[in-house]
Amino acid sequence: MLFLKTPTVLPGFKFSLAVSAFWLSILVLLPFVMLVLSVGNMGVGEFFRTITEAQVLAALWLSLKVSFWAAATNLVFGTLIAWVIVRYDFPGKSLINAVVDLPFALPTAVTGITLATLYAPNGWIGQLFTPYNIKIAFTPIGIFIALIVVSLPFVVRTVQPVLEELQPELEEAATTMGASRLTIVRRVVLPELVPALITSFGMMFARATGEYGSVVFIAGNIPMVSQILPLVITAKLDLFDVQGASAVALFMLLISFIILSALNFAQWAVSRRMGAKI
């Protein structure tokens, strides 16, 4: 028997629940079921042989590693951007606020082409590093930059509402009590931001691991060097290896599910601990 979390006088709970379940089943669950069914014809042995190929494992490690560092980088600088937007008034603030959402508005292919043009050896930024024999485009560094760009809005838009609700009076009170700026950030600001930071990290990491459009042009797609997992899936499809591509996609899905579940559990544990302190 289902119970509402809070009493309500509004009718239509059962109908809304049925429509929501149907919509999620059609858009989310059904494609996953078809993916599992397409892999089911391979057999367990063939499935494990496919996902343990050296090329697949190298692409998986590169995807997870670069996605992690891109999300961690955005966690720092995205929080700083949200802090500036919320706490300060300055000329051009509306423009910066709009630029943050630009990766959401632009097609990912446009982002990828733009970054590849900028960071190519003859690009505006890439040519600055060419004399030092540093190559950005078509290397893991280029993938890292692309993932930072596409995932930045997640942390800014997740942290921004929390900062807007955080009362500056708490920081002023801590200052009058002699707390240093570092202590205020560590003991007053960060505890309030931790749940939002965990949530944004999970969203950024999930987006980065599955990103394709903005990466395909700047990655170079060199096996064992700059080939991420979505590019492996595309390469198998180009060879008409639908079952192999489905196996890699399912493997990627399982890993993403495990990571997101761990992050959700961490967020629940932090929220519960903060609730217990209150």
Protein backbone atom coordinates (compact mmCIF):
# COMPACT_ATOMS: atom_id res chain seq x y z
CA MET A 1 0.00 0.00 0.00
CA LEU A 2 1.34 3.43 -0.99
CA PHE A 3 1.36 6.40 1.36
CA LEU A 4 2.00 10.04 0.63
CA LYS A 5 4.93 11.62 2.44
CA THR A 6 2.73 14.55 3.48
CA PRO A 7 -1.07 14.77 3.65
CA THR A 8 -2.66 16.62 0.75
CA VAL A 9 -6.13 17.67 -0.24
CA LEU A 10 -5.32 17.54 -3.95
CA PRO A 11 -6.84 14.54 -5.75
CA GLY A 12 -5.32 12.47 -8.53
CA PHE A 13 -2.41 10.76 -6.78
CA LYS A 14 -3.11 7.30 -8.24
CA PHE A 15 -3.64 8.68 -11.74
CA SER A 16 -0.48 10.79 -11.54
CA LEU A 17 1.52 7.82 -10.27
CA ALA A 18 0.24 5.62 -13.10
CA VAL A 19 1.07 8.22 -15.76
CA SER A 20 4.54 8.79 -14.26
CA ALA A 21 5.30 5.07 -14.15
CA PHE A 22 4.09 4.59 -17.73
CA TRP A 23 6.13 7.54 -18.99
CA LEU A 24 9.29 6.38 -17.24
CA SER A 25 8.78 2.84 -18.54
CA ILE A 26 8.48 3.99 -22.14
CA LEU A 27 11.34 6.48 -22.08
CA VAL A 28 13.81 4.87 -19.67
CA LEU A 29 13.09 1.25 -18.80
CA LEU A 30 12.09 -0.03 -22.24
CA PRO A 31 15.37 0.95 -23.97
CA PHE A 32 17.32 -0.68 -21.14
CA VAL A 33 15.27 -3.86 -21.45
CA MET A 34 15.90 -3.97 -25.20
CA LEU A 35 19.62 -3.48 -24.53
CA VAL A 36 19.67 -6.42 -22.12
CA LEU A 37 17.72 -8.60 -24.58
CA SER A 38 20.11 -7.80 -27.42
CA VAL A 39 23.06 -8.77 -25.24
CA GLY A 40 21.29 -11.91 -23.97
CA ASN A 41 21.85 -13.67 -27.31
CA MET A 42 25.62 -13.45 -26.89
CA GLY A 43 25.99 -15.73 -23.93
CA VAL A 44 27.87 -14.98 -20.73
CA GLY A 45 31.26 -16.07 -22.05
CA GLU A 46 31.09 -13.94 -25.18
CA PHE A 47 29.83 -10.98 -23.15
CA PHE A 48 32.81 -11.11 -20.78
CA ARG A 49 35.24 -11.60 -23.66
CA THR A 50 33.85 -8.47 -25.31
CA ILE A 51 33.99 -6.21 -22.26
CA THR A 52 37.45 -7.41 -21.22
CA GLU A 53 39.11 -6.62 -24.53
CA ALA A 54 42.22 -4.50 -24.03
CA GLN A 55 40.78 -1.70 -26.16
CA VAL A 56 37.53 -1.64 -24.15
CA LEU A 57 39.27 -1.64 -20.77
CA ALA A 58 41.67 1.11 -21.85
CA ALA A 59 38.76 3.23 -23.06
CA LEU A 60 36.85 2.55 -19.85
CA TRP A 61 39.76 3.59 -17.66
CA LEU A 62 40.30 6.75 -19.71
CA SER A 63 36.58 7.63 -19.56
CA LEU A 64 36.36 7.18 -15.79
CA LYS A 65 39.66 8.92 -15.08
CA VAL A 66 39.05 11.98 -17.24
CA SER A 67 35.41 12.24 -16.15
CA PHE A 68 36.43 12.14 -12.49
CA TRP A 69 39.04 14.88 -12.86
CA ALA A 70 36.72 17.03 -14.99
CA ALA A 71 33.97 16.75 -12.36
CA ALA A 72 36.44 17.44 -9.53
CA THR A 73 37.79 20.51 -11.34
CA ASN A 74 34.32 21.86 -11.95
CA LEU A 75 33.44 21.21 -8.33
CA VAL A 76 36.02 23.82 -7.32
CA PHE A 77 35.69 26.43 -10.04
CA GLY A 78 31.95 25.94 -10.55
CA THR A 79 31.35 26.58 -6.86
CA LEU A 80 33.51 29.69 -7.10
CA ILE A 81 31.47 30.94 -10.07
CA ALA A 82 28.22 30.30 -8.18
CA TRP A 83 29.63 32.19 -5.18
CA VAL A 84 30.53 35.20 -7.33
CA ILE A 85 27.11 35.24 -9.01
CA VAL A 86 25.23 35.04 -5.70
CA ARG A 87 27.33 37.23 -3.42
CA TYR A 88 28.50 40.10 -5.65
CA ASP A 89 26.93 42.70 -7.91
CA PHE A 90 29.07 43.88 -10.81
CA PRO A 91 28.73 44.98 -14.44
CA GLY A 92 28.20 42.02 -16.76
CA LYS A 93 26.76 39.75 -14.09
CA SER A 94 23.73 38.88 -16.25
CA LEU A 95 26.04 38.01 -19.13
CA ILE A 96 28.09 35.63 -16.98
CA ASN A 97 24.89 34.10 -15.66
CA ALA A 98 23.78 33.45 -19.24
CA VAL A 99 27.16 32.10 -20.36
CA VAL A 100 26.98 29.44 -17.63
CA ASP A 101 23.93 27.91 -19.36
CA LEU A 102 25.48 28.11 -22.83
CA PRO A 103 26.64 24.43 -22.83
CA PHE A 104 23.00 23.45 -22.24
CA ALA A 105 21.80 25.52 -25.21
CA LEU A 106 24.50 24.66 -27.75
CA PRO A 107 24.42 21.33 -29.62
CA THR A 108 27.27 19.20 -28.33
CA ALA A 109 28.64 18.80 -31.86
CA VAL A 110 28.99 22.59 -32.12
CA THR A 111 30.87 22.61 -28.82
CA GLY A 112 33.18 19.85 -30.03
CA ILE A 113 33.95 21.53 -33.34
CA THR A 114 34.60 24.85 -31.61
CA LEU A 115 36.97 23.32 -29.06
CA ALA A 116 38.79 21.31 -31.72
CA THR A 117 39.28 24.49 -33.77
CA LEU A 118 40.58 26.42 -30.78
CA TYR A 119 42.92 23.77 -29.40
CA ALA A 120 44.20 22.22 -32.63
CA PRO A 121 47.95 22.71 -33.25
CA ASN A 122 47.12 25.57 -35.63
CA GLY A 123 44.22 26.92 -33.54
CA TRP A 124 44.15 30.18 -31.65
CA ILE A 125 45.00 28.55 -28.32
CA GLY A 126 46.68 25.36 -29.53
CA GLN A 127 49.34 27.23 -31.50
CA LEU A 128 50.51 28.90 -28.29
CA PHE A 129 51.57 25.49 -26.96
CA THR A 130 53.01 24.12 -30.20
CA PRO A 131 56.49 25.67 -29.69
CA TYR A 132 56.69 23.80 -26.38
CA ASN A 133 55.72 20.50 -28.05
CA ILE A 134 52.48 20.39 -26.07
CA LYS A 135 49.51 18.97 -27.94
CA ILE A 136 46.00 19.56 -26.55
CA ALA A 137 43.53 18.53 -29.24
CA PHE A 138 43.35 14.82 -30.11
CA THR A 139 44.79 13.88 -26.72
CA PRO A 140 43.27 13.11 -23.28
CA ILE A 141 43.87 16.78 -22.41
CA GLY A 142 41.40 17.79 -25.10
CA ILE A 143 38.86 15.30 -23.77
CA PHE A 144 39.34 16.75 -20.28
CA ILE A 145 38.63 20.29 -21.54
CA ALA A 146 35.54 19.20 -23.46
CA LEU A 147 34.09 17.41 -20.44
CA ILE A 148 34.72 20.44 -18.24
CA VAL A 149 32.79 22.65 -20.66
CA VAL A 150 29.72 20.42 -21.00
CA SER A 151 29.42 19.61 -17.29
CA LEU A 152 30.09 23.04 -15.76
CA PRO A 153 26.42 24.18 -15.56
CA PHE A 154 25.47 21.24 -13.34
CA VAL A 155 27.51 22.37 -10.37
CA VAL A 156 26.76 26.08 -10.77
CA ARG A 157 22.99 25.61 -10.98
CA THR A 158 22.97 23.07 -8.15
CA VAL A 159 25.07 25.10 -5.71
CA GLN A 160 23.62 28.51 -6.57
CA PRO A 161 20.19 28.02 -4.87
CA VAL A 162 21.89 26.74 -1.71
CA LEU A 163 24.14 29.79 -1.55
CA GLU A 164 21.14 32.07 -2.08
CA GLU A 165 19.44 30.53 0.98
CA LEU A 166 22.61 30.68 3.09
CA GLN A 167 22.25 33.71 5.32
CA PRO A 168 25.26 36.07 5.30
CA GLU A 169 24.45 36.86 8.94
CA LEU A 170 25.93 33.49 9.93
CA GLU A 171 29.25 34.43 8.39
CA GLU A 172 29.11 37.89 9.99
CA ALA A 173 28.43 36.33 13.38
CA ALA A 174 31.38 33.97 12.95
CA THR A 175 33.57 36.94 12.01
CA THR A 176 32.59 38.87 15.14
CA MET A 177 33.51 35.82 17.19
CA GLY A 178 37.03 35.94 15.78
CA ALA A 179 36.81 33.16 13.17
CA SER A 180 39.18 33.43 10.24
CA ARG A 181 37.96 33.33 6.65
CA LEU A 182 39.23 29.78 6.22
CA THR A 183 37.41 28.69 9.38
CA ILE A 184 34.19 30.33 8.19
CA VAL A 185 34.39 28.53 4.86
CA ARG A 186 35.23 25.21 6.51
CA ARG A 187 32.80 25.35 9.44
CA VAL A 188 29.90 27.51 8.17
CA VAL A 189 29.71 27.46 4.36
CA LEU A 190 30.95 24.02 3.32
CA PRO A 191 28.70 21.95 5.65
CA GLU A 192 25.67 23.57 4.00
CA LEU A 193 27.04 22.92 0.53
CA VAL A 194 28.09 19.28 0.94
CA PRO A 195 24.78 17.66 -0.16
CA ALA A 196 24.58 19.95 -3.21
CA LEU A 197 28.23 19.29 -4.05
CA ILE A 198 27.72 15.52 -3.92
CA THR A 199 24.63 15.80 -6.12
CA SER A 200 26.35 18.02 -8.66
CA PHE A 201 29.42 15.78 -8.73
CA GLY A 202 27.22 12.78 -9.50
CA MET A 203 25.42 14.60 -12.31
CA MET A 204 28.66 15.91 -13.80
CA PHE A 205 30.34 12.51 -13.62
CA ALA A 206 27.35 10.77 -15.22
CA ARG A 207 27.19 13.37 -18.00
CA ALA A 208 30.93 13.20 -18.63
CA THR A 209 31.17 9.41 -18.82
CA GLY A 210 28.47 9.24 -21.47
CA GLU A 211 29.41 12.36 -23.42
CA TYR A 212 29.94 11.83 -27.13
CA GLY A 213 29.10 14.85 -29.31
CA SER A 214 31.57 17.33 -27.82
CA VAL A 215 34.34 14.73 -27.48
CA VAL A 216 34.29 12.99 -30.83
CA PHE A 217 35.90 15.93 -32.67
CA ILE A 218 38.62 16.72 -30.15
CA ALA A 219 39.47 13.23 -28.87
CA GLY A 220 41.23 11.93 -31.97
CA ASN A 221 39.75 8.45 -31.36
CA ILE A 222 43.15 6.81 -31.17
CA PRO A 223 42.77 3.30 -29.64
CA MET A 224 44.58 2.87 -26.31
CA VAL A 225 45.43 6.59 -26.29
CA SER A 226 42.47 8.95 -26.70
CA GLN A 227 39.51 6.65 -27.30
CA ILE A 228 36.75 6.84 -24.69
CA LEU A 229 34.05 4.24 -24.19
CA PRO A 230 31.28 5.92 -26.24
CA LEU A 231 33.70 6.02 -29.18
CA VAL A 232 34.32 2.28 -28.79
CA ILE A 233 30.58 1.70 -29.04
CA THR A 234 30.40 3.82 -32.20
CA ALA A 235 33.40 2.00 -33.70
CA LYS A 236 31.72 -1.37 -33.16
CA LEU A 237 28.52 -0.10 -34.74
CA ASP A 238 30.51 1.09 -37.76
CA LEU A 239 31.71 -2.51 -38.12
CA PHE A 240 28.09 -3.73 -37.83
CA ASP A 241 28.95 -5.45 -34.55
CA VAL A 242 25.62 -4.59 -32.92
CA GLN A 243 25.90 -7.20 -30.18
CA GLY A 244 29.42 -6.11 -29.29
CA ALA A 245 28.33 -2.47 -29.12
CA SER A 246 25.34 -3.46 -26.98
CA ALA A 247 27.61 -5.42 -24.63
CA VAL A 248 29.92 -2.44 -24.13
CA ALA A 249 26.92 -0.13 -23.69
CA LEU A 250 25.43 -2.43 -21.04
CA PHE A 251 28.80 -2.63 -19.29
CA MET A 252 28.99 1.16 -19.28
CA LEU A 253 25.43 1.37 -17.97
CA LEU A 254 26.18 -0.99 -15.08
CA ILE A 255 29.27 0.96 -14.06
CA SER A 256 27.39 4.28 -14.19
CA PHE A 257 24.56 2.79 -12.13
CA ILE A 258 26.97 1.55 -9.46
CA ILE A 259 28.76 4.89 -9.25
CA LEU A 260 25.53 6.91 -9.10
CA SER A 261 24.13 4.56 -6.45
CA ALA A 262 27.26 5.05 -4.35
CA LEU A 263 26.99 8.84 -4.69
CA ASN A 264 23.28 8.77 -3.80
CA PHE A 265 24.08 6.69 -0.73
CA ALA A 266 26.79 9.17 0.25
CA GLN A 267 24.35 12.04 -0.13
CA TRP A 268 21.76 10.20 1.98
CA ALA A 269 24.36 9.47 4.68
CA VAL A 270 25.49 13.11 4.80
CA SER A 271 21.91 14.40 4.93
CA ARG A 272 21.06 11.95 7.71
CA ARG A 273 24.12 12.95 9.71
CA MET A 274 23.32 16.64 9.33
CA GLY A 275 19.71 15.95 10.37
CA ALA A 276 20.89 14.08 13.45
CA LYS A 277 23.08 17.04 14.47
CA ILE A 278 20.13 19.37 14.15
